[in-house]
Amino acid sequence: QLVRDGAASWTVVRPGLIVGPGDPSGRF
């Protein structure tokens, strides 16, 4: 909400499970 109200223009990206090299969660 802050970004939509305060930025000149904006993209909001809502990821799910992010995976790959460097993953700090270790799930995948």
PDB file of all heavy atoms in Angstrom:
ATOM      1  N   GLN A   1       0.822  -1.199   0.000  1.00  0.00           N
ATOM      2  CA  GLN A   1       0.000   0.000   0.000  1.00  0.00           C
ATOM      3  C   GLN A   1       0.858   1.251   0.000  1.00  0.00           C
ATOM      4  O   GLN A   1       0.564   2.231  -0.713  1.00  0.00           O
ATOM      5  CB  GLN A   1      -0.940  -0.011   1.208  1.00  0.00           C
ATOM      6  CG  GLN A   1      -2.023  -1.068   1.140  1.00  0.00           C
ATOM      7  CD  GLN A   1      -2.932  -1.055   2.366  1.00  0.00           C
ATOM      8  OE1 GLN A   1      -2.621  -0.440   3.384  1.00  0.00           O
ATOM      9  NE2 GLN A   1      -4.058  -1.745   2.261  1.00  0.00           N
ATOM     10  N   LEU A   2       1.924   1.239   0.779  1.00  0.00           N
ATOM     11  CA  LEU A   2       2.827   2.388   0.825  1.00  0.00           C
ATOM     12  C   LEU A   2       3.442   2.652  -0.547  1.00  0.00           C
ATOM     13  O   LEU A   2       3.551   3.803  -0.987  1.00  0.00           O
ATOM     14  CB  LEU A   2       3.927   2.137   1.854  1.00  0.00           C
ATOM     15  CG  LEU A   2       3.497   2.163   3.322  1.00  0.00           C
ATOM     16  CD1 LEU A   2       4.599   1.595   4.206  1.00  0.00           C
ATOM     17  CD2 LEU A   2       3.167   3.595   3.751  1.00  0.00           C
ATOM     18  N   VAL A   3       3.861   1.581  -1.226  1.00  0.00           N
ATOM     19  CA  VAL A   3       4.474   1.724  -2.549  1.00  0.00           C
ATOM     20  C   VAL A   3       3.466   2.264  -3.552  1.00  0.00           C
ATOM     21  O   VAL A   3       3.760   3.189  -4.338  1.00  0.00           O
ATOM     22  CB  VAL A   3       5.060   0.379  -3.019  1.00  0.00           C
ATOM     23  CG1 VAL A   3       5.475   0.440  -4.485  1.00  0.00           C
ATOM     24  CG2 VAL A   3       6.248  -0.009  -2.142  1.00  0.00           C
ATOM     25  N   ARG A   4       2.271   1.723  -3.564  1.00  0.00           N
ATOM     26  CA  ARG A   4       1.255   2.179  -4.518  1.00  0.00           C
ATOM     27  C   ARG A   4       0.884   3.647  -4.287  1.00  0.00           C
ATOM     28  O   ARG A   4       0.618   4.392  -5.234  1.00  0.00           O
ATOM     29  CB  ARG A   4       0.012   1.297  -4.430  1.00  0.00           C
ATOM     30  CG  ARG A   4       0.227  -0.135  -4.876  1.00  0.00           C
ATOM     31  CD  ARG A   4      -1.095  -0.818  -5.188  1.00  0.00           C
ATOM     32  NE  ARG A   4      -2.006  -0.796  -4.054  1.00  0.00           N
ATOM     33  CZ  ARG A   4      -2.079  -1.752  -3.131  1.00  0.00           C
ATOM     34  NH1 ARG A   4      -1.258  -2.793  -3.200  1.00  0.00           N
ATOM     35  NH2 ARG A   4      -2.937  -1.666  -2.133  1.00  0.00           N
ATOM     36  N   ASP A   5       0.882   4.049  -3.015  1.00  0.00           N
ATOM     37  CA  ASP A   5       0.485   5.419  -2.688  1.00  0.00           C
ATOM     38  C   ASP A   5       1.639   6.419  -2.814  1.00  0.00           C
ATOM     39  O   ASP A   5       1.400   7.604  -3.064  1.00  0.00           O
ATOM     40  CB  ASP A   5      -0.049   5.488  -1.248  1.00  0.00           C
ATOM     41  CG  ASP A   5      -1.366   4.747  -1.068  1.00  0.00           C
ATOM     42  OD1 ASP A   5      -2.040   4.481  -2.086  1.00  0.00           O
ATOM     43  OD2 ASP A   5      -1.713   4.417   0.086  1.00  0.00           O
ATOM     44  N   GLY A   6       2.891   5.941  -2.670  1.00  0.00           N
ATOM     45  CA  GLY A   6       3.995   6.877  -2.549  1.00  0.00           C
ATOM     46  C   GLY A   6       4.983   6.920  -3.689  1.00  0.00           C
ATOM     47  O   GLY A   6       5.763   7.880  -3.789  1.00  0.00           O
ATOM     48  N   ALA A   7       5.000   5.913  -4.557  1.00  0.00           N
ATOM     49  CA  ALA A   7       5.988   5.874  -5.640  1.00  0.00           C
ATOM     50  C   ALA A   7       5.461   6.591  -6.877  1.00  0.00           C
ATOM     51  O   ALA A   7       4.251   6.635  -7.125  1.00  0.00           O
ATOM     52  CB  ALA A   7       6.346   4.432  -5.979  1.00  0.00           C
ATOM     53  N   ALA A   8       6.390   7.142  -7.664  1.00  0.00           N
ATOM     54  CA  ALA A   8       6.006   7.802  -8.913  1.00  0.00           C
ATOM     55  C   ALA A   8       5.352   6.811  -9.866  1.00  0.00           C
ATOM     56  O   ALA A   8       4.378   7.130 -10.550  1.00  0.00           O
ATOM     57  CB  ALA A   8       7.230   8.440  -9.553  1.00  0.00           C
ATOM     58  N   SER A   9       5.894   5.613  -9.943  1.00  0.00           N
ATOM     59  CA  SER A   9       5.315   4.489 -10.679  1.00  0.00           C
ATOM     60  C   SER A   9       5.817   3.234 -10.007  1.00  0.00           C
ATOM     61  O   SER A   9       6.830   3.261  -9.304  1.00  0.00           O
ATOM     62  CB  SER A   9       5.694   4.516 -12.169  1.00  0.00           C
ATOM     63  OG  SER A   9       7.105   4.480 -12.330  1.00  0.00           O
ATOM     64  N   TRP A  10       5.141   2.128 -10.215  1.00  0.00           N
ATOM     65  CA  TRP A  10       5.509   0.959  -9.414  1.00  0.00           C
ATOM     66  C   TRP A  10       5.087  -0.349 -10.074  1.00  0.00           C
ATOM     67  O   TRP A  10       4.149  -0.411 -10.856  1.00  0.00           O
ATOM     68  CB  TRP A  10       4.884   1.028  -8.018  1.00  0.00           C
ATOM     69  CG  TRP A  10       3.415   1.324  -8.024  1.00  0.00           C
ATOM     70  CD1 TRP A  10       2.822   2.545  -7.916  1.00  0.00           C
ATOM     71  CD2 TRP A  10       2.336   0.375  -8.184  1.00  0.00           C
ATOM     72  NE1 TRP A  10       1.449   2.436  -7.987  1.00  0.00           N
ATOM     73  CE2 TRP A  10       1.127   1.118  -8.145  1.00  0.00           C
ATOM     74  CE3 TRP A  10       2.277  -1.003  -8.353  1.00  0.00           C
ATOM     75  CZ2 TRP A  10      -0.119   0.501  -8.265  1.00  0.00           C
ATOM     76  CZ3 TRP A  10       1.036  -1.628  -8.477  1.00  0.00           C
ATOM     77  CH2 TRP A  10      -0.144  -0.867  -8.420  1.00  0.00           C
ATOM     78  N   THR A  11       5.854  -1.391  -9.717  1.00  0.00           N
ATOM     79  CA  THR A  11       5.512  -2.788  -9.988  1.00  0.00           C
ATOM     80  C   THR A  11       5.530  -3.513  -8.661  1.00  0.00           C
ATOM     81  O   THR A  11       6.493  -3.371  -7.896  1.00  0.00           O
ATOM     82  CB  THR A  11       6.545  -3.470 -10.901  1.00  0.00           C
ATOM     83  OG1 THR A  11       6.878  -2.625 -11.994  1.00  0.00           O
ATOM     84  CG2 THR A  11       6.031  -4.803 -11.404  1.00  0.00           C
ATOM     85  N   VAL A  12       4.494  -4.271  -8.376  1.00  0.00           N
ATOM     86  CA  VAL A  12       4.484  -5.139  -7.200  1.00  0.00           C
ATOM     87  C   VAL A  12       4.541  -6.578  -7.687  1.00  0.00           C
ATOM     88  O   VAL A  12       3.699  -7.001  -8.492  1.00  0.00           O
ATOM     89  CB  VAL A  12       3.237  -4.914  -6.327  1.00  0.00           C
ATOM     90  CG1 VAL A  12       3.127  -5.996  -5.252  1.00  0.00           C
ATOM     91  CG2 VAL A  12       3.286  -3.533  -5.670  1.00  0.00           C
ATOM     92  N   VAL A  13       5.539  -7.314  -7.213  1.00  0.00           N
ATOM     93  CA  VAL A  13       5.728  -8.718  -7.595  1.00  0.00           C
ATOM     94  C   VAL A  13       5.543  -9.569  -6.347  1.00  0.00           C
ATOM     95  O   VAL A  13       6.210  -9.340  -5.327  1.00  0.00           O
ATOM     96  CB  VAL A  13       7.131  -8.949  -8.191  1.00  0.00           C
ATOM     97  CG1 VAL A  13       7.338 -10.421  -8.503  1.00  0.00           C
ATOM     98  CG2 VAL A  13       7.318  -8.108  -9.446  1.00  0.00           C
ATOM     99  N   ARG A  14       4.660 -10.551  -6.442  1.00  0.00           N
ATOM    100  CA  ARG A  14       4.375 -11.440  -5.305  1.00  0.00           C
ATOM    101  C   ARG A  14       4.882 -12.842  -5.619  1.00  0.00           C
ATOM    102  O   ARG A  14       4.156 -13.656  -6.196  1.00  0.00           O
ATOM    103  CB  ARG A  14       2.870 -11.478  -5.034  1.00  0.00           C
ATOM    104  CG  ARG A  14       2.269 -10.148  -4.616  1.00  0.00           C
ATOM    105  CD  ARG A  14       0.750 -10.187  -4.625  1.00  0.00           C
ATOM    106  NE  ARG A  14       0.166  -8.939  -4.149  1.00  0.00           N
ATOM    107  CZ  ARG A  14      -1.110  -8.589  -4.326  1.00  0.00           C
ATOM    108  NH1 ARG A  14      -1.933  -9.404  -4.994  1.00  0.00           N
ATOM    109  NH2 ARG A  14      -1.562  -7.436  -3.871  1.00  0.00           N
ATOM    110  N   PRO A  15       6.112 -13.169  -5.242  1.00  0.00           N
ATOM    111  CA  PRO A  15       6.625 -14.511  -5.533  1.00  0.00           C
ATOM    112  C   PRO A  15       6.021 -15.566  -4.612  1.00  0.00           C
ATOM    113  O   PRO A  15       5.543 -15.273  -3.503  1.00  0.00           O
ATOM    114  CB  PRO A  15       8.133 -14.381  -5.269  1.00  0.00           C
ATOM    115  CG  PRO A  15       8.398 -12.909  -5.168  1.00  0.00           C
ATOM    116  CD  PRO A  15       7.136 -12.303  -4.671  1.00  0.00           C
ATOM    117  N   GLY A  16       6.089 -16.805  -5.112  1.00  0.00           N
ATOM    118  CA  GLY A  16       5.814 -17.955  -4.268  1.00  0.00           C
ATOM    119  C   GLY A  16       7.139 -18.495  -3.764  1.00  0.00           C
ATOM    120  O   GLY A  16       7.962 -17.753  -3.222  1.00  0.00           O
ATOM    121  N   LEU A  17       7.375 -19.792  -3.970  1.00  0.00           N
ATOM    122  CA  LEU A  17       8.613 -20.412  -3.501  1.00  0.00           C
ATOM    123  C   LEU A  17       9.736 -20.120  -4.486  1.00  0.00           C
ATOM    124  O   LEU A  17       9.721 -20.594  -5.620  1.00  0.00           O
ATOM    125  CB  LEU A  17       8.416 -21.920  -3.348  1.00  0.00           C
ATOM    126  CG  LEU A  17       9.646 -22.709  -2.891  1.00  0.00           C
ATOM    127  CD1 LEU A  17      10.173 -22.196  -1.556  1.00  0.00           C
ATOM    128  CD2 LEU A  17       9.337 -24.203  -2.799  1.00  0.00           C
ATOM    129  N   ILE A  18      10.719 -19.334  -4.037  1.00  0.00           N
ATOM    130  CA  ILE A  18      11.881 -18.991  -4.853  1.00  0.00           C
ATOM    131  C   ILE A  18      12.969 -20.017  -4.574  1.00  0.00           C
ATOM    132  O   ILE A  18      13.292 -20.308  -3.422  1.00  0.00           O
ATOM    133  CB  ILE A  18      12.389 -17.576  -4.522  1.00  0.00           C
ATOM    134  CG1 ILE A  18      11.248 -16.565  -4.572  1.00  0.00           C
ATOM    135  CG2 ILE A  18      13.497 -17.172  -5.493  1.00  0.00           C
ATOM    136  CD1 ILE A  18      11.636 -15.177  -4.065  1.00  0.00           C
ATOM    137  N   VAL A  19      13.561 -20.560  -5.647  1.00  0.00           N
ATOM    138  CA  VAL A  19      14.518 -21.659  -5.497  1.00  0.00           C
ATOM    139  C   VAL A  19      15.758 -21.377  -6.334  1.00  0.00           C
ATOM    140  O   VAL A  19      15.806 -20.425  -7.100  1.00  0.00           O
ATOM    141  CB  VAL A  19      13.875 -22.999  -5.919  1.00  0.00           C
ATOM    142  CG1 VAL A  19      12.626 -23.288  -5.103  1.00  0.00           C
ATOM    143  CG2 VAL A  19      13.529 -22.988  -7.415  1.00  0.00           C
ATOM    144  N   GLY A  20      16.750 -22.244  -6.167  1.00  0.00           N
ATOM    145  CA  GLY A  20      17.952 -22.141  -6.985  1.00  0.00           C
ATOM    146  C   GLY A  20      19.206 -21.943  -6.164  1.00  0.00           C
ATOM    147  O   GLY A  20      19.174 -21.920  -4.922  1.00  0.00           O
ATOM    148  N   PRO A  21      20.340 -21.797  -6.822  1.00  0.00           N
ATOM    149  CA  PRO A  21      21.620 -21.616  -6.121  1.00  0.00           C
ATOM    150  C   PRO A  21      21.574 -20.396  -5.198  1.00  0.00           C
ATOM    151  O   PRO A  21      21.056 -19.343  -5.565  1.00  0.00           O
ATOM    152  CB  PRO A  21      22.616 -21.400  -7.264  1.00  0.00           C
ATOM    153  CG  PRO A  21      21.980 -22.052  -8.453  1.00  0.00           C
ATOM    154  CD  PRO A  21      20.509 -21.839  -8.296  1.00  0.00           C
ATOM    155  N   GLY A  22      22.109 -20.569  -3.989  1.00  0.00           N
ATOM    156  CA  GLY A  22      22.134 -19.482  -3.023  1.00  0.00           C
ATOM    157  C   GLY A  22      20.936 -19.418  -2.108  1.00  0.00           C
ATOM    158  O   GLY A  22      20.847 -18.520  -1.261  1.00  0.00           O
ATOM    159  N   ASP A  23      19.997 -20.358  -2.235  1.00  0.00           N
ATOM    160  CA  ASP A  23      18.767 -20.338  -1.444  1.00  0.00           C
ATOM    161  C   ASP A  23      19.083 -20.398   0.052  1.00  0.00           C
ATOM    162  O   ASP A  23      19.608 -21.411   0.531  1.00  0.00           O
ATOM    163  CB  ASP A  23      17.892 -21.521  -1.850  1.00  0.00           C
ATOM    164  CG  ASP A  23      16.594 -21.610  -1.056  1.00  0.00           C
ATOM    165  OD1 ASP A  23      16.300 -20.687  -0.268  1.00  0.00           O
ATOM    166  OD2 ASP A  23      15.872 -22.602  -1.244  1.00  0.00           O
ATOM    167  N   PRO A  24      18.752 -19.350   0.825  1.00  0.00           N
ATOM    168  CA  PRO A  24      19.056 -19.373   2.253  1.00  0.00           C
ATOM    169  C   PRO A  24      18.093 -20.217   3.070  1.00  0.00           C
ATOM    170  O   PRO A  24      18.358 -20.496   4.244  1.00  0.00           O
ATOM    171  CB  PRO A  24      18.967 -17.899   2.657  1.00  0.00           C
ATOM    172  CG  PRO A  24      17.965 -17.325   1.705  1.00  0.00           C
ATOM    173  CD  PRO A  24      18.172 -18.063   0.405  1.00  0.00           C
ATOM    174  N   SER A  25      16.961 -20.631   2.478  1.00  0.00           N
ATOM    175  CA  SER A  25      15.984 -21.416   3.232  1.00  0.00           C
ATOM    176  C   SER A  25      16.280 -22.904   3.205  1.00  0.00           C
ATOM    177  O   SER A  25      15.913 -23.637   4.119  1.00  0.00           O
ATOM    178  CB  SER A  25      14.576 -21.173   2.682  1.00  0.00           C
ATOM    179  OG  SER A  25      14.368 -21.900   1.480  1.00  0.00           O
ATOM    180  N   GLY A  26      16.911 -23.382   2.126  1.00  0.00           N
ATOM    181  CA  GLY A  26      17.230 -24.797   2.011  1.00  0.00           C
ATOM    182  C   GLY A  26      16.053 -25.692   1.704  1.00  0.00           C
ATOM    183  O   GLY A  26      16.187 -26.922   1.701  1.00  0.00           O
ATOM    184  N   ARG A  27      14.884 -25.124   1.404  1.00  0.00           N
ATOM    185  CA  ARG A  27      13.697 -25.957   1.199  1.00  0.00           C
ATOM    186  C   ARG A  27      13.810 -26.782  -0.080  1.00  0.00           C
ATOM    187  O   ARG A  27      13.662 -28.010  -0.046  1.00  0.00           O
ATOM    188  CB  ARG A  27      12.446 -25.077   1.155  1.00  0.00           C
ATOM    189  CG  ARG A  27      12.013 -24.565   2.508  1.00  0.00           C
ATOM    190  CD  ARG A  27      10.909 -23.547   2.402  1.00  0.00           C
ATOM    191  NE  ARG A  27      11.382 -22.297   1.823  1.00  0.00           N
ATOM    192  CZ  ARG A  27      10.660 -21.171   1.783  1.00  0.00           C
ATOM    193  NH1 ARG A  27       9.428 -21.171   2.254  1.00  0.00           N
ATOM    194  NH2 ARG A  27      11.158 -20.074   1.262  1.00  0.00           N
ATOM    195  N   PHE A  28      14.038 -26.111  -1.192  1.00  0.00           N
ATOM    196  CA  PHE A  28      14.163 -26.839  -2.446  1.00  0.00           C
ATOM    197  C   PHE A  28      15.466 -27.624  -2.490  1.00  0.00           C
ATOM    198  O   PHE A  28      15.530 -28.733  -3.056  1.00  0.00           O
ATOM    199  CB  PHE A  28      14.103 -25.856  -3.620  1.00  0.00           C
ATOM    200  CG  PHE A  28      14.230 -26.504  -4.974  1.00  0.00           C
ATOM    201  CD1 PHE A  28      13.152 -27.114  -5.586  1.00  0.00           C
ATOM    202  CD2 PHE A  28      15.446 -26.500  -5.643  1.00  0.00           C
ATOM    203  CE1 PHE A  28      13.266 -27.698  -6.840  1.00  0.00           C
ATOM    204  CE2 PHE A  28      15.573 -27.083  -6.895  1.00  0.00           C
ATOM    205  CZ  PHE A  28      14.475 -27.690  -7.493  1.00  0.00           C
TER     206      PHE A  28
END
